Amino acid sequence: RVARLRARLDAMGIPHMQNDSHIIPVMIGDP
């Protein structure tokens, strides 16, 4: 599920921190 979601986010250009774990941080940068 992690791999599939990462691939879909990449395909749509949604920025997320690259790591080798199960945690996917999607960065916003503003509270």
Full PDB file with SEQRES, HELIX, SHEET, SSBOND, CRYST1, ORIGX, SCALE, CONECT and MASTER records, all heavy atoms in Angstrom:
SEQRES   1 A   31  ARG VAL ALA ARG LEU ARG ALA ARG LEU ASP ALA MET GLY          
SEQRES   2 A   31  ILE PRO HIS MET GLN ASN ASP SER HIS ILE ILE PRO VAL          
SEQRES   3 A   31  MET ILE GLY ASP PRO                                          
HELIX    1 AA1 VAL A    2  MET A   12  1                                  11    
CRYST1    1.000    1.000    1.000  90.00  90.00  90.00 P 1           1          
ORIGX1      1.000000  0.000000  0.000000        0.00000                         
ORIGX2      0.000000  1.000000  0.000000        0.00000                         
ORIGX3      0.000000  0.000000  1.000000        0.00000                         
SCALE1      1.000000  0.000000  0.000000        0.00000                         
SCALE2      0.000000  1.000000  0.000000        0.00000                         
SCALE3      0.000000  0.000000  1.000000        0.00000                         
ATOM      1  N   ARG A   1       0.834  -1.212   0.000  1.00  0.00           N  
ATOM      2  CA  ARG A   1       0.000   0.000   0.000  1.00  0.00           C  
ATOM      3  C   ARG A   1       0.866   1.259   0.000  1.00  0.00           C  
ATOM      4  O   ARG A   1       0.555   2.245  -0.679  1.00  0.00           O  
ATOM      5  CB  ARG A   1      -0.922   0.012   1.223  1.00  0.00           C  
ATOM      6  CG  ARG A   1      -1.880  -1.166   1.330  1.00  0.00           C  
ATOM      7  CD  ARG A   1      -2.924  -1.177   0.233  1.00  0.00           C  
ATOM      8  NE  ARG A   1      -2.426  -1.712  -1.026  1.00  0.00           N  
ATOM      9  CZ  ARG A   1      -3.073  -1.624  -2.192  1.00  0.00           C  
ATOM     10  NH1 ARG A   1      -4.220  -0.993  -2.266  1.00  0.00           N  
ATOM     11  NH2 ARG A   1      -2.550  -2.136  -3.289  1.00  0.00           N  
ATOM     12  N   VAL A   2       1.957   1.227   0.761  1.00  0.00           N  
ATOM     13  CA  VAL A   2       2.877   2.371   0.790  1.00  0.00           C  
ATOM     14  C   VAL A   2       3.467   2.611  -0.589  1.00  0.00           C  
ATOM     15  O   VAL A   2       3.505   3.748  -1.083  1.00  0.00           O  
ATOM     16  CB  VAL A   2       3.996   2.138   1.830  1.00  0.00           C  
ATOM     17  CG1 VAL A   2       5.083   3.206   1.705  1.00  0.00           C  
ATOM     18  CG2 VAL A   2       3.423   2.140   3.245  1.00  0.00           C  
ATOM     19  N   ALA A   3       3.937   1.548  -1.216  1.00  0.00           N  
ATOM     20  CA  ALA A   3       4.566   1.682  -2.536  1.00  0.00           C  
ATOM     21  C   ALA A   3       3.567   2.202  -3.568  1.00  0.00           C  
ATOM     22  O   ALA A   3       3.907   3.062  -4.397  1.00  0.00           O  
ATOM     23  CB  ALA A   3       5.130   0.339  -2.985  1.00  0.00           C  
ATOM     24  N   ARG A   4       2.344   1.703  -3.509  1.00  0.00           N  
ATOM     25  CA  ARG A   4       1.341   2.150  -4.484  1.00  0.00           C  
ATOM     26  C   ARG A   4       1.016   3.629  -4.283  1.00  0.00           C  
ATOM     27  O   ARG A   4       0.927   4.394  -5.248  1.00  0.00           O  
ATOM     28  CB  ARG A   4       0.075   1.316  -4.380  1.00  0.00           C  
ATOM     29  CG  ARG A   4      -1.004   1.743  -5.392  1.00  0.00           C  
ATOM     30  CD  ARG A   4      -2.233   0.851  -5.336  1.00  0.00           C  
ATOM     31  NE  ARG A   4      -3.244   1.339  -6.249  1.00  0.00           N  
ATOM     32  CZ  ARG A   4      -3.312   1.042  -7.543  1.00  0.00           C  
ATOM     33  NH1 ARG A   4      -2.410   0.235  -8.087  1.00  0.00           N  
ATOM     34  NH2 ARG A   4      -4.279   1.542  -8.306  1.00  0.00           N  
ATOM     35  N   LEU A   5       0.837   4.039  -3.035  1.00  0.00           N  
ATOM     36  CA  LEU A   5       0.507   5.446  -2.799  1.00  0.00           C  
ATOM     37  C   LEU A   5       1.657   6.351  -3.209  1.00  0.00           C  
ATOM     38  O   LEU A   5       1.431   7.405  -3.834  1.00  0.00           O  
ATOM     39  CB  LEU A   5       0.150   5.670  -1.326  1.00  0.00           C  
ATOM     40  CG  LEU A   5      -0.173   7.117  -0.950  1.00  0.00           C  
ATOM     41  CD1 LEU A   5      -1.296   7.694  -1.822  1.00  0.00           C  
ATOM     42  CD2 LEU A   5      -0.535   7.237   0.521  1.00  0.00           C  
ATOM     43  N   ARG A   6       2.879   5.983  -2.887  1.00  0.00           N  
ATOM     44  CA  ARG A   6       4.026   6.807  -3.293  1.00  0.00           C  
ATOM     45  C   ARG A   6       4.069   6.957  -4.819  1.00  0.00           C  
ATOM     46  O   ARG A   6       4.316   8.058  -5.332  1.00  0.00           O  
ATOM     47  CB  ARG A   6       5.328   6.179  -2.798  1.00  0.00           C  
ATOM     48  CG  ARG A   6       5.596   6.365  -1.315  1.00  0.00           C  
ATOM     49  CD  ARG A   6       7.015   5.952  -0.980  1.00  0.00           C  
ATOM     50  NE  ARG A   6       7.299   6.026   0.439  1.00  0.00           N  
ATOM     51  CZ  ARG A   6       7.614   7.137   1.095  1.00  0.00           C  
ATOM     52  NH1 ARG A   6       7.664   8.289   0.446  1.00  0.00           N  
ATOM     53  NH2 ARG A   6       7.870   7.110   2.396  1.00  0.00           N  
ATOM     54  N   ALA A   7       3.841   5.863  -5.524  1.00  0.00           N  
ATOM     55  CA  ALA A   7       3.869   5.916  -6.987  1.00  0.00           C  
ATOM     56  C   ALA A   7       2.779   6.828  -7.531  1.00  0.00           C  
ATOM     57  O   ALA A   7       3.005   7.600  -8.475  1.00  0.00           O  
ATOM     58  CB  ALA A   7       3.717   4.512  -7.554  1.00  0.00           C  
ATOM     59  N   ARG A   8       1.601   6.772  -6.936  1.00  0.00           N  
ATOM     60  CA  ARG A   8       0.492   7.625  -7.397  1.00  0.00           C  
ATOM     61  C   ARG A   8       0.766   9.098  -7.080  1.00  0.00           C  
ATOM     62  O   ARG A   8       0.462   9.976  -7.891  1.00  0.00           O  
ATOM     63  CB  ARG A   8      -0.813   7.176  -6.746  1.00  0.00           C  
ATOM     64  CG  ARG A   8      -1.276   5.787  -7.157  1.00  0.00           C  
ATOM     65  CD  ARG A   8      -1.872   5.785  -8.568  1.00  0.00           C  
ATOM     66  NE  ARG A   8      -3.182   6.417  -8.555  1.00  0.00           N  
ATOM     67  CZ  ARG A   8      -3.498   7.547  -9.178  1.00  0.00           C  
ATOM     68  NH1 ARG A   8      -2.585   8.212  -9.865  1.00  0.00           N  
ATOM     69  NH2 ARG A   8      -4.717   8.049  -9.115  1.00  0.00           N  
ATOM     70  N   LEU A   9       1.330   9.381  -5.926  1.00  0.00           N  
ATOM     71  CA  LEU A   9       1.682  10.766  -5.588  1.00  0.00           C  
ATOM     72  C   LEU A   9       2.732  11.304  -6.550  1.00  0.00           C  
ATOM     73  O   LEU A   9       2.642  12.459  -7.012  1.00  0.00           O  
ATOM     74  CB  LEU A   9       2.199  10.852  -4.151  1.00  0.00           C  
ATOM     75  CG  LEU A   9       1.180  10.589  -3.034  1.00  0.00           C  
ATOM     76  CD1 LEU A   9       1.888  10.520  -1.683  1.00  0.00           C  
ATOM     77  CD2 LEU A   9       0.095  11.659  -3.009  1.00  0.00           C  
ATOM     78  N   ASP A  10       3.721  10.482  -6.859  1.00  0.00           N  
ATOM     79  CA  ASP A  10       4.755  10.896  -7.813  1.00  0.00           C  
ATOM     80  C   ASP A  10       4.146  11.189  -9.183  1.00  0.00           C  
ATOM     81  O   ASP A  10       4.503  12.181  -9.841  1.00  0.00           O  
ATOM     82  CB  ASP A  10       5.822   9.805  -7.950  1.00  0.00           C  
ATOM     83  CG  ASP A  10       6.724   9.706  -6.730  1.00  0.00           C  
ATOM     84  OD1 ASP A  10       6.808  10.691  -5.969  1.00  0.00           O  
ATOM     85  OD2 ASP A  10       7.332   8.639  -6.538  1.00  0.00           O  
ATOM     86  N   ALA A  11       3.239  10.338  -9.609  1.00  0.00           N  
ATOM     87  CA  ALA A  11       2.628  10.504 -10.933  1.00  0.00           C  
ATOM     88  C   ALA A  11       1.842  11.805 -11.027  1.00  0.00           C  
ATOM     89  O   ALA A  11       1.781  12.424 -12.099  1.00  0.00           O  
ATOM     90  CB  ALA A  11       1.722   9.315 -11.241  1.00  0.00           C  
ATOM     91  N   MET A  12       1.268  12.231  -9.901  1.00  0.00           N  
ATOM     92  CA  MET A  12       0.457  13.450  -9.905  1.00  0.00           C  
ATOM     93  C   MET A  12       1.238  14.681  -9.449  1.00  0.00           C  
ATOM     94  O   MET A  12       0.673  15.770  -9.352  1.00  0.00           O  
ATOM     95  CB  MET A  12      -0.769  13.253  -9.003  1.00  0.00           C  
ATOM     96  CG  MET A  12      -1.677  12.105  -9.431  1.00  0.00           C  
ATOM     97  SD  MET A  12      -2.168  12.193 -11.185  1.00  0.00           S  
ATOM     98  CE  MET A  12      -3.125  13.708 -11.179  1.00  0.00           C  
ATOM     99  N   GLY A  13       2.509  14.518  -9.146  1.00  0.00           N  
ATOM    100  CA  GLY A  13       3.336  15.662  -8.772  1.00  0.00           C  
ATOM    101  C   GLY A  13       3.077  16.193  -7.380  1.00  0.00           C  
ATOM    102  O   GLY A  13       3.340  17.375  -7.109  1.00  0.00           O  
ATOM    103  N   ILE A  14       2.588  15.351  -6.482  1.00  0.00           N  
ATOM    104  CA  ILE A  14       2.361  15.776  -5.097  1.00  0.00           C  
ATOM    105  C   ILE A  14       3.654  15.546  -4.319  1.00  0.00           C  
ATOM    106  O   ILE A  14       4.125  14.406  -4.197  1.00  0.00           O  
ATOM    107  CB  ILE A  14       1.216  14.968  -4.440  1.00  0.00           C  
ATOM    108  CG1 ILE A  14      -0.070  15.057  -5.276  1.00  0.00           C  
ATOM    109  CG2 ILE A  14       0.981  15.451  -3.018  1.00  0.00           C  
ATOM    110  CD1 ILE A  14      -0.632  16.437  -5.377  1.00  0.00           C  
ATOM    111  N   PRO A  15       4.275  16.599  -3.781  1.00  0.00           N  
ATOM    112  CA  PRO A  15       5.579  16.436  -3.117  1.00  0.00           C  
ATOM    113  C   PRO A  15       5.455  15.705  -1.787  1.00  0.00           C  
ATOM    114  O   PRO A  15       4.606  16.009  -0.959  1.00  0.00           O  
ATOM    115  CB  PRO A  15       6.053  17.878  -2.903  1.00  0.00           C  
ATOM    116  CG  PRO A  15       4.797  18.678  -2.842  1.00  0.00           C  
ATOM    117  CD  PRO A  15       3.821  18.004  -3.758  1.00  0.00           C  
ATOM    118  N   HIS A  16       6.307  14.727  -1.596  1.00  0.00           N  
ATOM    119  CA  HIS A  16       6.365  14.005  -0.329  1.00  0.00           C  
ATOM    120  C   HIS A  16       7.822  13.652  -0.046  1.00  0.00           C  
ATOM    121  O   HIS A  16       8.617  13.473  -0.967  1.00  0.00           O  
ATOM    122  CB  HIS A  16       5.505  12.743  -0.361  1.00  0.00           C  
ATOM    123  CG  HIS A  16       5.852  11.784  -1.455  1.00  0.00           C  
ATOM    124  ND1 HIS A  16       6.635  10.666  -1.256  1.00  0.00           N  
ATOM    125  CD2 HIS A  16       5.539  11.776  -2.778  1.00  0.00           C  
ATOM    126  CE1 HIS A  16       6.771  10.007  -2.397  1.00  0.00           C  
ATOM    127  NE2 HIS A  16       6.123  10.665  -3.345  1.00  0.00           N  
ATOM    128  N   MET A  17       8.150  13.584   1.232  1.00  0.00           N  
ATOM    129  CA  MET A  17       9.531  13.314   1.613  1.00  0.00           C  
ATOM    130  C   MET A  17       9.887  11.877   1.263  1.00  0.00           C  
ATOM    131  O   MET A  17       9.146  10.941   1.585  1.00  0.00           O  
ATOM    132  CB  MET A  17       9.736  13.562   3.104  1.00  0.00           C  
ATOM    133  CG  MET A  17       9.562  15.011   3.506  1.00  0.00           C  
ATOM    134  SD  MET A  17       9.998  15.313   5.245  1.00  0.00           S  
ATOM    135  CE  MET A  17      11.789  15.316   5.126  1.00  0.00           C  
ATOM    136  N   GLN A  18      11.026  11.707   0.616  1.00  0.00           N  
ATOM    137  CA  GLN A  18      11.485  10.373   0.254  1.00  0.00           C  
ATOM    138  C   GLN A  18      12.182   9.729   1.453  1.00  0.00           C  
ATOM    139  O   GLN A  18      13.049  10.332   2.082  1.00  0.00           O  
ATOM    140  CB  GLN A  18      12.453  10.454  -0.932  1.00  0.00           C  
ATOM    141  CG  GLN A  18      11.832  11.036  -2.197  1.00  0.00           C  
ATOM    142  CD  GLN A  18      10.716  10.163  -2.754  1.00  0.00           C  
ATOM    143  OE1 GLN A  18      10.739   8.943  -2.631  1.00  0.00           O  
ATOM    144  NE2 GLN A  18       9.722  10.792  -3.373  1.00  0.00           N  
ATOM    145  N   ASN A  19      11.779   8.531   1.774  1.00  0.00           N  
ATOM    146  CA  ASN A  19      12.422   7.764   2.835  1.00  0.00           C  
ATOM    147  C   ASN A  19      12.175   6.289   2.572  1.00  0.00           C  
ATOM    148  O   ASN A  19      11.455   5.926   1.646  1.00  0.00           O  
ATOM    149  CB  ASN A  19      11.907   8.194   4.222  1.00  0.00           C  
ATOM    150  CG  ASN A  19      10.408   7.998   4.368  1.00  0.00           C  
ATOM    151  OD1 ASN A  19       9.882   6.904   4.142  1.00  0.00           O  
ATOM    152  ND2 ASN A  19       9.698   9.055   4.745  1.00  0.00           N  
ATOM    153  N   ASP A  20      12.767   5.441   3.390  1.00  0.00           N  
ATOM    154  CA  ASP A  20      12.646   3.994   3.212  1.00  0.00           C  
ATOM    155  C   ASP A  20      11.687   3.362   4.206  1.00  0.00           C  
ATOM    156  O   ASP A  20      11.696   2.146   4.403  1.00  0.00           O  
ATOM    157  CB  ASP A  20      14.020   3.338   3.348  1.00  0.00           C  
ATOM    158  CG  ASP A  20      14.970   3.756   2.239  1.00  0.00           C  
ATOM    159  OD1 ASP A  20      14.510   3.899   1.096  1.00  0.00           O  
ATOM    160  OD2 ASP A  20      16.170   3.948   2.528  1.00  0.00           O  
ATOM    161  N   SER A  21      10.852   4.180   4.831  1.00  0.00           N  
ATOM    162  CA  SER A  21       9.932   3.654   5.843  1.00  0.00           C  
ATOM    163  C   SER A  21       8.494   3.691   5.335  1.00  0.00           C  
ATOM    164  O   SER A  21       8.219   3.990   4.174  1.00  0.00           O  
ATOM    165  CB  SER A  21      10.058   4.465   7.138  1.00  0.00           C  
ATOM    166  OG  SER A  21       9.378   5.701   7.028  1.00  0.00           O  
ATOM    167  N   HIS A  22       7.583   3.425   6.238  1.00  0.00           N  
ATOM    168  CA  HIS A  22       6.149   3.373   5.940  1.00  0.00           C  
ATOM    169  C   HIS A  22       5.458   4.723   6.120  1.00  0.00           C  
ATOM    170  O   HIS A  22       4.245   4.812   5.917  1.00  0.00           O  
ATOM    171  CB  HIS A  22       5.490   2.352   6.868  1.00  0.00           C  
ATOM    172  CG  HIS A  22       5.705   2.654   8.321  1.00  0.00           C  
ATOM    173  ND1 HIS A  22       6.908   2.400   8.959  1.00  0.00           N  
ATOM    174  CD2 HIS A  22       4.913   3.197   9.256  1.00  0.00           C  
ATOM    175  CE1 HIS A  22       6.824   2.771  10.225  1.00  0.00           C  
ATOM    176  NE2 HIS A  22       5.624   3.263  10.436  1.00  0.00           N  
ATOM    177  N   ILE A  23       6.202   5.743   6.498  1.00  0.00           N  
ATOM    178  CA  ILE A  23       5.631   7.064   6.797  1.00  0.00           C  
ATOM    179  C   ILE A  23       5.803   7.975   5.587  1.00  0.00           C  
ATOM    180  O   ILE A  23       6.915   8.138   5.085  1.00  0.00           O  
ATOM    181  CB  ILE A  23       6.305   7.663   8.049  1.00  0.00           C  
ATOM    182  CG1 ILE A  23       6.006   6.782   9.272  1.00  0.00           C  
ATOM    183  CG2 ILE A  23       5.856   9.098   8.279  1.00  0.00           C  
ATOM    184  CD1 ILE A  23       6.883   7.063  10.471  1.00  0.00           C  
ATOM    185  N   ILE A  24       4.701   8.574   5.135  1.00  0.00           N  
ATOM    186  CA  ILE A  24       4.735   9.434   3.948  1.00  0.00           C  
ATOM    187  C   ILE A  24       4.352  10.861   4.358  1.00  0.00           C  
ATOM    188  O   ILE A  24       3.167  11.185   4.495  1.00  0.00           O  
ATOM    189  CB  ILE A  24       3.773   8.929   2.855  1.00  0.00           C  
ATOM    190  CG1 ILE A  24       4.085   7.475   2.503  1.00  0.00           C  
ATOM    191  CG2 ILE A  24       3.847   9.813   1.620  1.00  0.00           C  
ATOM    192  CD1 ILE A  24       3.145   6.872   1.471  1.00  0.00           C  
ATOM    193  N   PRO A  25       5.330  11.743   4.565  1.00  0.00           N  
ATOM    194  CA  PRO A  25       5.012  13.142   4.881  1.00  0.00           C  
ATOM    195  C   PRO A  25       4.784  13.940   3.588  1.00  0.00           C  
ATOM    196  O   PRO A  25       5.677  14.027   2.737  1.00  0.00           O  
ATOM    197  CB  PRO A  25       6.266  13.639   5.613  1.00  0.00           C  
ATOM    198  CG  PRO A  25       7.141  12.422   5.810  1.00  0.00           C  
ATOM    199  CD  PRO A  25       6.766  11.468   4.723  1.00  0.00           C  
ATOM    200  N   VAL A  26       3.594  14.488   3.461  1.00  0.00           N  
ATOM    201  CA  VAL A  26       3.275  15.371   2.334  1.00  0.00           C  
ATOM    202  C   VAL A  26       3.436  16.799   2.835  1.00  0.00           C  
ATOM    203  O   VAL A  26       2.718  17.252   3.728  1.00  0.00           O  
ATOM    204  CB  VAL A  26       1.849  15.122   1.815  1.00  0.00           C  
ATOM    205  CG1 VAL A  26       1.454  16.171   0.775  1.00  0.00           C  
ATOM    206  CG2 VAL A  26       1.746  13.722   1.208  1.00  0.00           C  
ATOM    207  N   MET A  27       4.378  17.514   2.248  1.00  0.00           N  
ATOM    208  CA  MET A  27       4.802  18.790   2.797  1.00  0.00           C  
ATOM    209  C   MET A  27       3.873  19.934   2.362  1.00  0.00           C  
ATOM    210  O   MET A  27       3.523  20.051   1.194  1.00  0.00           O  
ATOM    211  CB  MET A  27       6.232  19.089   2.366  1.00  0.00           C  
ATOM    212  CG  MET A  27       7.217  17.971   2.708  1.00  0.00           C  
ATOM    213  SD  MET A  27       7.196  17.487   4.461  1.00  0.00           S  
ATOM    214  CE  MET A  27       7.913  18.957   5.197  1.00  0.00           C  
ATOM    215  N   ILE A  28       3.523  20.776   3.355  1.00  0.00           N  
ATOM    216  CA  ILE A  28       2.694  21.966   3.109  1.00  0.00           C  
ATOM    217  C   ILE A  28       3.502  23.229   3.374  1.00  0.00           C  
ATOM    218  O   ILE A  28       3.546  24.143   2.556  1.00  0.00           O  
ATOM    219  CB  ILE A  28       1.430  21.948   3.990  1.00  0.00           C  
ATOM    220  CG1 ILE A  28       0.672  20.621   3.830  1.00  0.00           C  
ATOM    221  CG2 ILE A  28       0.539  23.142   3.637  1.00  0.00           C  
ATOM    222  CD1 ILE A  28       0.201  20.317   2.440  1.00  0.00           C  
ATOM    223  N   GLY A  29       4.141  23.315   4.541  1.00  0.00           N  
ATOM    224  CA  GLY A  29       5.036  24.430   4.827  1.00  0.00           C  
ATOM    225  C   GLY A  29       4.383  25.659   5.403  1.00  0.00           C  
ATOM    226  O   GLY A  29       5.031  26.696   5.555  1.00  0.00           O  
ATOM    227  N   ASP A  30       3.098  25.546   5.764  1.00  0.00           N  
ATOM    228  CA  ASP A  30       2.387  26.694   6.345  1.00  0.00           C  
ATOM    229  C   ASP A  30       1.308  26.151   7.280  1.00  0.00           C  
ATOM    230  O   ASP A  30       0.504  25.321   6.856  1.00  0.00           O  
ATOM    231  CB  ASP A  30       1.760  27.547   5.251  1.00  0.00           C  
ATOM    232  CG  ASP A  30       0.959  28.705   5.822  1.00  0.00           C  
ATOM    233  OD1 ASP A  30       1.550  29.760   6.073  1.00  0.00           O  
ATOM    234  OD2 ASP A  30      -0.263  28.540   6.021  1.00  0.00           O  
ATOM    235  N   PRO A  31       1.261  26.603   8.548  1.00  0.00           N  
ATOM    236  CA  PRO A  31       0.322  26.003   9.503  1.00  0.00           C  
ATOM    237  C   PRO A  31      -1.142  26.263   9.176  1.00  0.00           C  
ATOM    238  O   PRO A  31      -1.983  25.373   9.322  1.00  0.00           O  
ATOM    239  CB  PRO A  31       0.721  26.636  10.844  1.00  0.00           C  
ATOM    240  CG  PRO A  31       1.423  27.900  10.481  1.00  0.00           C  
ATOM    241  CD  PRO A  31       2.119  27.623   9.183  1.00  0.00           C  
TER     242      PRO A  31                                                      
MASTER        0    0    0    1    0    0    0    6  241    1    0    3          
END                                                                             
